[in-house]
Amino acid sequence: MKHKVLRTNSENCDFNWLIKHLDKELTISDGDDHAFYDQFNKLDKIKHVVISSIAEKPVGCGALKKFDEDTVEIKRMFTLNEFRGIGSASTILNELETWASELNFKKCILETGINQPEAISLYKKCGYILTDNYGQYKGVETSLCFFKILD
């Protein structure tokens, strides 16, 4: 299946549709911690969004959010269940990294939860390195933070 990627922003209706599915899943997997994590996932500061589509159907998304002058944070990574395991998330992550480089960022960081084994596996497979929790995730035992230096 051929993935088509679109660069857009958080106002895109397909992105918002995918985020509703993501948030529904996270409400279950995060359990009691969902309200804590949800406060850091607002869309108003997200200007760089990637959507992956197959046969004109949006199947996954991810976003970039500036963290500091050299660093961008990967946010809102998601793939619909029926399109997992076919490279959708890797395609999205690769496009986000390319876009971050084009925007002159030197490093990507991200946070995922300990209850997200597929995400942890993806990030490790794509060259992300486990690091100390940063920012709002410092001291949060259910968070894992990763980084990757961009080429």
N, C-alpha and C. Protein backbone atom coordinates (compact mmCIF):
# COMPACT_ATOMS: atom_id res chain seq x y z
N MET A 1 0.84 -1.19 0.00
CA MET A 1 0.00 0.00 0.00
C MET A 1 0.88 1.25 0.00
N LYS A 2 0.55 2.17 -0.85
CA LYS A 2 1.32 3.39 -1.00
C LYS A 2 0.79 4.47 -0.06
N HIS A 3 1.70 5.02 0.74
CA HIS A 3 1.36 6.12 1.63
C HIS A 3 1.56 7.45 0.92
N LYS A 4 0.61 8.30 1.05
CA LYS A 4 0.73 9.67 0.57
C LYS A 4 0.81 10.55 1.82
N VAL A 5 1.80 11.43 1.88
CA VAL A 5 1.91 12.30 3.04
C VAL A 5 1.57 13.74 2.68
N LEU A 6 0.92 14.38 3.60
CA LEU A 6 0.51 15.77 3.45
C LEU A 6 1.05 16.57 4.62
N ARG A 7 1.70 17.68 4.32
CA ARG A 7 2.09 18.63 5.34
C ARG A 7 0.98 19.66 5.47
N THR A 8 0.55 19.90 6.69
CA THR A 8 -0.56 20.82 6.92
C THR A 8 -0.41 21.43 8.32
N ASN A 9 -1.52 21.85 8.91
CA ASN A 9 -1.48 22.38 10.27
C ASN A 9 -2.63 21.79 11.08
N SER A 10 -2.75 22.21 12.33
CA SER A 10 -3.72 21.60 13.24
C SER A 10 -5.17 21.96 12.92
N GLU A 11 -5.39 22.81 11.96
CA GLU A 11 -6.76 23.13 11.57
C GLU A 11 -7.33 22.14 10.56
N ASN A 12 -6.49 21.26 10.04
CA ASN A 12 -6.91 20.28 9.05
C ASN A 12 -7.97 19.35 9.63
N CYS A 13 -9.08 19.16 8.93
CA CYS A 13 -10.19 18.35 9.46
C CYS A 13 -9.82 16.88 9.58
N ASP A 14 -8.99 16.33 8.68
CA ASP A 14 -8.56 14.94 8.80
C ASP A 14 -7.69 14.75 10.04
N PHE A 15 -6.83 15.72 10.32
CA PHE A 15 -6.00 15.67 11.52
C PHE A 15 -6.89 15.65 12.76
N ASN A 16 -7.86 16.52 12.81
CA ASN A 16 -8.75 16.58 13.97
C ASN A 16 -9.56 15.30 14.12
N TRP A 17 -9.95 14.69 13.02
CA TRP A 17 -10.68 13.41 13.06
C TRP A 17 -9.78 12.32 13.63
N LEU A 18 -8.52 12.28 13.17
CA LEU A 18 -7.57 11.29 13.69
C LEU A 18 -7.28 11.51 15.17
N ILE A 19 -7.17 12.77 15.58
CA ILE A 19 -6.89 13.08 16.99
C ILE A 19 -8.03 12.63 17.90
N LYS A 20 -9.25 12.70 17.42
CA LYS A 20 -10.37 12.19 18.22
C LYS A 20 -10.21 10.70 18.48
N HIS A 21 -9.76 9.96 17.47
CA HIS A 21 -9.51 8.53 17.63
C HIS A 21 -8.34 8.29 18.59
N LEU A 22 -7.28 9.08 18.44
CA LEU A 22 -6.12 8.97 19.32
C LEU A 22 -6.52 9.20 20.77
N ASP A 23 -7.24 10.28 21.01
CA ASP A 23 -7.62 10.62 22.39
C ASP A 23 -8.52 9.56 23.01
N LYS A 24 -9.38 8.96 22.19
CA LYS A 24 -10.24 7.88 22.69
C LYS A 24 -9.38 6.70 23.14
N GLU A 25 -8.37 6.36 22.34
CA GLU A 25 -7.47 5.26 22.69
C GLU A 25 -6.65 5.58 23.94
N LEU A 26 -6.16 6.82 24.01
CA LEU A 26 -5.33 7.21 25.15
C LEU A 26 -6.12 7.26 26.45
N THR A 27 -7.39 7.58 26.37
CA THR A 27 -8.23 7.59 27.57
C THR A 27 -8.22 6.21 28.21
N ILE A 28 -8.20 5.18 27.38
CA ILE A 28 -8.19 3.80 27.88
C ILE A 28 -6.79 3.41 28.34
N SER A 29 -5.77 3.61 27.48
CA SER A 29 -4.43 3.12 27.82
C SER A 29 -3.77 3.93 28.94
N ASP A 30 -4.05 5.22 29.02
CA ASP A 30 -3.47 6.05 30.08
C ASP A 30 -4.20 5.87 31.42
N GLY A 31 -5.43 5.44 31.36
CA GLY A 31 -6.20 5.24 32.59
C GLY A 31 -6.29 6.50 33.43
N ASP A 32 -5.96 6.38 34.69
CA ASP A 32 -6.07 7.52 35.62
C ASP A 32 -5.11 8.66 35.28
N ASP A 33 -4.07 8.39 34.49
CA ASP A 33 -3.10 9.43 34.15
C ASP A 33 -3.51 10.27 32.94
N HIS A 34 -4.64 9.93 32.31
CA HIS A 34 -5.00 10.61 31.06
C HIS A 34 -5.15 12.13 31.21
N ALA A 35 -5.78 12.59 32.25
CA ALA A 35 -5.99 14.03 32.43
C ALA A 35 -4.66 14.77 32.51
N PHE A 36 -3.67 14.17 33.18
CA PHE A 36 -2.35 14.79 33.28
C PHE A 36 -1.73 14.95 31.89
N TYR A 37 -1.69 13.88 31.12
CA TYR A 37 -1.08 13.94 29.79
C TYR A 37 -1.86 14.82 28.82
N ASP A 38 -3.17 14.76 28.91
CA ASP A 38 -4.02 15.49 27.98
C ASP A 38 -3.76 17.00 28.00
N GLN A 39 -3.41 17.54 29.15
CA GLN A 39 -3.18 18.98 29.24
C GLN A 39 -2.01 19.45 28.37
N PHE A 40 -1.12 18.54 28.00
CA PHE A 40 0.05 18.90 27.19
C PHE A 40 -0.17 18.62 25.70
N ASN A 41 -1.37 18.23 25.33
CA ASN A 41 -1.64 17.83 23.95
C ASN A 41 -2.64 18.74 23.24
N LYS A 42 -2.73 19.97 23.67
CA LYS A 42 -3.63 20.92 23.02
C LYS A 42 -3.06 21.29 21.65
N LEU A 43 -3.94 21.57 20.72
CA LEU A 43 -3.53 21.77 19.33
C LEU A 43 -3.21 23.21 18.97
N ASP A 44 -3.52 24.17 19.84
CA ASP A 44 -3.39 25.58 19.47
C ASP A 44 -1.95 26.01 19.18
N LYS A 45 -0.96 25.29 19.67
CA LYS A 45 0.43 25.68 19.43
C LYS A 45 1.09 24.81 18.37
N ILE A 46 0.30 23.99 17.69
CA ILE A 46 0.85 23.07 16.68
C ILE A 46 0.60 23.65 15.28
N LYS A 47 1.70 23.96 14.60
CA LYS A 47 1.60 24.56 13.28
C LYS A 47 2.10 23.63 12.18
N HIS A 48 2.74 22.53 12.56
CA HIS A 48 3.34 21.62 11.58
C HIS A 48 2.79 20.22 11.82
N VAL A 49 1.93 19.77 10.91
CA VAL A 49 1.25 18.48 11.02
C VAL A 49 1.50 17.67 9.75
N VAL A 50 1.71 16.38 9.94
CA VAL A 50 1.83 15.45 8.81
C VAL A 50 0.70 14.44 8.91
N ILE A 51 0.03 14.23 7.79
CA ILE A 51 -1.04 13.22 7.71
C ILE A 51 -0.64 12.22 6.63
N SER A 52 -0.77 10.95 6.97
CA SER A 52 -0.54 9.88 5.99
C SER A 52 -1.89 9.36 5.53
N SER A 53 -2.02 9.18 4.22
CA SER A 53 -3.26 8.65 3.64
C SER A 53 -2.93 7.47 2.75
N ILE A 54 -3.87 6.54 2.68
CA ILE A 54 -3.79 5.42 1.75
C ILE A 54 -5.11 5.41 1.00
N ALA A 55 -5.02 5.46 -0.32
CA ALA A 55 -6.23 5.49 -1.16
C ALA A 55 -7.18 6.59 -0.71
N GLU A 56 -6.63 7.77 -0.45
CA GLU A 56 -7.39 8.96 -0.08
C GLU A 56 -8.00 8.90 1.32
N LYS A 57 -7.72 7.84 2.08
CA LYS A 57 -8.24 7.73 3.45
C LYS A 57 -7.13 8.11 4.43
N PRO A 58 -7.38 9.08 5.33
CA PRO A 58 -6.38 9.41 6.33
C PRO A 58 -6.20 8.23 7.29
N VAL A 59 -4.94 7.80 7.48
CA VAL A 59 -4.69 6.62 8.31
C VAL A 59 -3.80 6.92 9.51
N GLY A 60 -3.11 8.06 9.51
CA GLY A 60 -2.24 8.38 10.63
C GLY A 60 -1.77 9.81 10.58
N CYS A 61 -1.19 10.24 11.71
CA CYS A 61 -0.75 11.63 11.80
C CYS A 61 0.37 11.77 12.82
N GLY A 62 0.98 12.92 12.80
CA GLY A 62 1.99 13.32 13.77
C GLY A 62 2.20 14.81 13.61
N ALA A 63 2.87 15.41 14.59
CA ALA A 63 3.04 16.86 14.56
C ALA A 63 4.37 17.26 15.18
N LEU A 64 4.78 18.47 14.86
CA LEU A 64 5.98 19.08 15.44
C LEU A 64 5.56 20.28 16.27
N LYS A 65 6.23 20.46 17.40
CA LYS A 65 6.01 21.62 18.25
C LYS A 65 7.37 22.11 18.71
N LYS A 66 7.67 23.38 18.47
CA LYS A 66 8.96 23.94 18.87
C LYS A 66 9.13 23.79 20.38
N PHE A 67 10.30 23.27 20.78
CA PHE A 67 10.63 23.14 22.19
C PHE A 67 11.61 24.23 22.60
N ASP A 68 12.67 24.41 21.81
CA ASP A 68 13.60 25.53 21.98
C ASP A 68 14.21 25.83 20.61
N GLU A 69 15.21 26.68 20.58
CA GLU A 69 15.76 27.13 19.29
C GLU A 69 16.28 25.99 18.42
N ASP A 70 16.82 24.94 19.05
CA ASP A 70 17.42 23.84 18.29
C ASP A 70 16.61 22.56 18.31
N THR A 71 15.54 22.53 19.11
CA THR A 71 14.84 21.28 19.39
C THR A 71 13.36 21.39 19.09
N VAL A 72 12.84 20.34 18.47
CA VAL A 72 11.42 20.25 18.19
C VAL A 72 10.89 18.99 18.88
N GLU A 73 9.66 19.08 19.37
CA GLU A 73 9.04 17.94 20.03
C GLU A 73 8.05 17.27 19.07
N ILE A 74 8.15 15.95 18.98
CA ILE A 74 7.21 15.16 18.19
C ILE A 74 5.96 14.96 19.05
N LYS A 75 4.81 15.30 18.51
CA LYS A 75 3.55 15.21 19.24
C LYS A 75 2.50 14.49 18.40
N ARG A 76 1.48 13.97 19.07
CA ARG A 76 0.25 13.48 18.46
C ARG A 76 0.47 12.42 17.39
N MET A 77 1.45 11.54 17.61
CA MET A 77 1.68 10.41 16.70
C MET A 77 0.55 9.40 16.87
N PHE A 78 -0.03 9.00 15.74
CA PHE A 78 -1.14 8.06 15.80
C PHE A 78 -1.34 7.40 14.44
N THR A 79 -1.70 6.11 14.48
CA THR A 79 -2.11 5.38 13.29
C THR A 79 -3.35 4.58 13.64
N LEU A 80 -4.34 4.61 12.76
CA LEU A 80 -5.55 3.80 12.96
C LEU A 80 -5.16 2.33 13.09
N ASN A 81 -5.85 1.62 13.96
CA ASN A 81 -5.54 0.20 14.23
C ASN A 81 -5.38 -0.63 12.97
N GLU A 82 -6.32 -0.51 12.04
CA GLU A 82 -6.30 -1.37 10.86
C GLU A 82 -5.16 -1.06 9.90
N PHE A 83 -4.40 0.02 10.15
CA PHE A 83 -3.27 0.37 9.28
C PHE A 83 -1.94 0.30 10.01
N ARG A 84 -1.93 -0.36 11.15
CA ARG A 84 -0.69 -0.54 11.90
C ARG A 84 0.09 -1.73 11.32
N GLY A 85 1.40 -1.62 11.40
CA GLY A 85 2.25 -2.72 10.94
C GLY A 85 2.59 -2.68 9.47
N ILE A 86 2.22 -1.61 8.77
CA ILE A 86 2.52 -1.52 7.33
C ILE A 86 3.38 -0.30 7.00
N GLY A 87 3.99 0.29 8.03
CA GLY A 87 4.92 1.40 7.80
C GLY A 87 4.32 2.79 7.89
N SER A 88 3.08 2.90 8.27
CA SER A 88 2.44 4.22 8.35
C SER A 88 3.15 5.13 9.35
N ALA A 89 3.38 4.65 10.56
CA ALA A 89 4.00 5.48 11.59
C ALA A 89 5.43 5.86 11.22
N SER A 90 6.19 4.92 10.66
CA SER A 90 7.56 5.22 10.23
C SER A 90 7.57 6.28 9.14
N THR A 91 6.62 6.18 8.22
CA THR A 91 6.50 7.17 7.14
C THR A 91 6.23 8.56 7.72
N ILE A 92 5.31 8.64 8.67
CA ILE A 92 4.98 9.92 9.31
C ILE A 92 6.18 10.47 10.06
N LEU A 93 6.82 9.63 10.86
CA LEU A 93 7.96 10.07 11.66
C LEU A 93 9.10 10.55 10.77
N ASN A 94 9.36 9.84 9.69
CA ASN A 94 10.40 10.24 8.75
C ASN A 94 10.10 11.61 8.14
N GLU A 95 8.85 11.82 7.75
CA GLU A 95 8.47 13.12 7.17
C GLU A 95 8.59 14.24 8.20
N LEU A 96 8.22 13.96 9.45
CA LEU A 96 8.36 14.97 10.51
C LEU A 96 9.83 15.32 10.72
N GLU A 97 10.69 14.33 10.72
CA GLU A 97 12.12 14.58 10.89
C GLU A 97 12.69 15.39 9.73
N THR A 98 12.28 15.07 8.52
CA THR A 98 12.72 15.82 7.34
C THR A 98 12.28 17.27 7.44
N TRP A 99 11.02 17.48 7.82
CA TRP A 99 10.48 18.83 7.94
C TRP A 99 11.21 19.59 9.04
N ALA A 100 11.47 18.93 10.16
CA ALA A 100 12.20 19.58 11.26
C ALA A 100 13.58 20.02 10.79
N SER A 101 14.27 19.18 10.03
CA SER A 101 15.59 19.55 9.48
C SER A 101 15.47 20.75 8.56
N GLU A 102 14.45 20.75 7.71
CA GLU A 102 14.24 21.88 6.79
C GLU A 102 13.97 23.17 7.56
N LEU A 103 13.40 23.05 8.75
CA LEU A 103 13.13 24.22 9.60
C LEU A 103 14.33 24.58 10.47
N ASN A 104 15.47 23.90 10.23
CA ASN A 104 16.74 24.14 10.90
C ASN A 104 16.80 23.69 12.36
N PHE A 105 15.95 22.75 12.74
CA PHE A 105 16.07 22.15 14.06
C PHE A 105 17.15 21.09 14.00
N LYS A 106 17.85 20.90 15.10
CA LYS A 106 18.97 19.96 15.18
C LYS A 106 18.61 18.66 15.89
N LYS A 107 17.52 18.68 16.67
CA LYS A 107 17.19 17.53 17.50
C LYS A 107 15.68 17.41 17.63
N CYS A 108 15.22 16.15 17.68
CA CYS A 108 13.82 15.85 17.99
C CYS A 108 13.77 15.20 19.37
N ILE A 109 12.76 15.57 20.14
CA ILE A 109 12.49 14.90 21.40
C ILE A 109 11.04 14.45 21.38
N LEU A 110 10.72 13.50 22.24
CA LEU A 110 9.33 13.06 22.34
C LEU A 110 9.11 12.35 23.65
N GLU A 111 7.86 12.24 24.02
CA GLU A 111 7.45 11.52 25.22
C GLU A 111 6.40 10.52 24.82
N THR A 112 6.47 9.35 25.42
CA THR A 112 5.42 8.35 25.27
C THR A 112 5.22 7.69 26.62
N GLY A 113 4.12 7.01 26.76
CA GLY A 113 3.82 6.36 28.04
C GLY A 113 4.34 4.94 28.10
N ILE A 114 4.57 4.47 29.32
CA ILE A 114 5.05 3.10 29.51
C ILE A 114 4.02 2.08 29.04
N ASN A 115 2.76 2.51 28.89
CA ASN A 115 1.70 1.61 28.42
C ASN A 115 1.52 1.66 26.90
N GLN A 116 2.53 2.15 26.19
CA GLN A 116 2.49 2.27 24.73
C GLN A 116 3.62 1.45 24.11
N PRO A 117 3.60 0.12 24.23
CA PRO A 117 4.73 -0.68 23.75
C PRO A 117 4.99 -0.55 22.25
N GLU A 118 3.94 -0.37 21.45
CA GLU A 118 4.14 -0.22 20.00
C GLU A 118 4.89 1.07 19.70
N ALA A 119 4.55 2.14 20.41
CA ALA A 119 5.23 3.43 20.20
C ALA A 119 6.69 3.32 20.63
N ILE A 120 6.94 2.72 21.78
CA ILE A 120 8.32 2.55 22.26
C ILE A 120 9.14 1.78 21.23
N SER A 121 8.58 0.71 20.71
CA SER A 121 9.27 -0.09 19.70
C SER A 121 9.55 0.72 18.44
N LEU A 122 8.57 1.49 17.98
CA LEU A 122 8.75 2.34 16.79
C LEU A 122 9.90 3.31 16.99
N TYR A 123 9.90 4.03 18.10
CA TYR A 123 10.92 5.05 18.32
C TYR A 123 12.31 4.44 18.40
N LYS A 124 12.44 3.31 19.07
CA LYS A 124 13.75 2.65 19.14
C LYS A 124 14.18 2.19 17.75
N LYS A 125 13.25 1.61 16.99
CA LYS A 125 13.55 1.14 15.63
C LYS A 125 14.01 2.30 14.74
N CYS A 126 13.48 3.49 14.98
CA CYS A 126 13.79 4.66 14.15
C CYS A 126 14.97 5.47 14.69
N GLY A 127 15.70 4.91 15.65
CA GLY A 127 16.93 5.55 16.09
C GLY A 127 16.80 6.51 17.25
N TYR A 128 15.68 6.52 17.92
CA TYR A 128 15.52 7.39 19.09
C TYR A 128 16.16 6.73 20.30
N ILE A 129 16.75 7.56 21.15
CA ILE A 129 17.50 7.09 22.32
C ILE A 129 16.77 7.55 23.58
N LEU A 130 16.60 6.61 24.50
CA LEU A 130 15.97 6.91 25.78
C LEU A 130 16.80 7.95 26.52
N THR A 131 16.15 8.93 27.12
CA THR A 131 16.84 10.01 27.83
C THR A 131 16.07 10.33 29.11
N ASP A 132 16.66 11.18 29.92
CA ASP A 132 15.96 11.62 31.13
C ASP A 132 14.69 12.36 30.73
N ASN A 133 13.67 12.22 31.54
CA ASN A 133 12.42 12.93 31.27
C ASN A 133 12.67 14.44 31.32
N TYR A 134 12.07 15.14 30.39
CA TYR A 134 12.26 16.58 30.26
C TYR A 134 10.98 17.34 30.63
N GLY A 135 11.15 18.64 30.86
CA GLY A 135 10.02 19.54 31.06
C GLY A 135 8.97 19.01 32.02
N GLN A 136 7.74 19.04 31.56
CA GLN A 136 6.60 18.64 32.38
C GLN A 136 6.61 17.16 32.73
N TYR A 137 7.46 16.36 32.09
CA TYR A 137 7.50 14.91 32.34
C TYR A 137 8.54 14.51 33.38
N LYS A 138 9.33 15.47 33.88
CA LYS A 138 10.32 15.17 34.92
C LYS A 138 9.61 14.56 36.12
N GLY A 139 10.14 13.45 36.57
CA GLY A 139 9.59 12.81 37.76
C GLY A 139 8.31 12.00 37.53
N VAL A 140 7.84 11.95 36.28
CA VAL A 140 6.62 11.20 35.98
C VAL A 140 7.02 9.76 35.63
N GLU A 141 6.70 8.84 36.51
CA GLU A 141 7.15 7.46 36.38
C GLU A 141 6.50 6.72 35.21
N THR A 142 5.37 7.21 34.71
CA THR A 142 4.69 6.53 33.61
C THR A 142 5.09 7.09 32.25
N SER A 143 6.05 8.02 32.23
CA SER A 143 6.53 8.62 30.98
C SER A 143 7.91 8.10 30.63
N LEU A 144 8.13 7.93 29.33
CA LEU A 144 9.45 7.66 28.79
C LEU A 144 9.75 8.74 27.76
N CYS A 145 10.94 9.32 27.84
CA CYS A 145 11.32 10.37 26.89
C CYS A 145 12.49 9.88 26.03
N PHE A 146 12.47 10.32 24.79
CA PHE A 146 13.46 9.91 23.81
C PHE A 146 13.97 11.15 23.06
N PHE A 147 15.16 11.00 22.44
CA PHE A 147 15.67 12.06 21.57
C PHE A 147 16.36 11.44 20.37
N LYS A 148 16.52 12.26 19.34
CA LYS A 148 17.28 11.87 18.15
C LYS A 148 17.92 13.12 17.58
N ILE A 149 19.21 13.03 17.30
CA ILE A 149 19.91 14.12 16.63
C ILE A 149 19.64 13.99 15.14
N LEU A 150 19.24 15.09 14.52
CA LEU A 150 18.91 15.08 13.09
C LEU A 150 20.17 15.23 12.26
N ASP A 151 20.17 14.64 11.08
CA ASP A 151 21.33 14.72 10.17
C ASP A 151 21.49 16.12 9.63
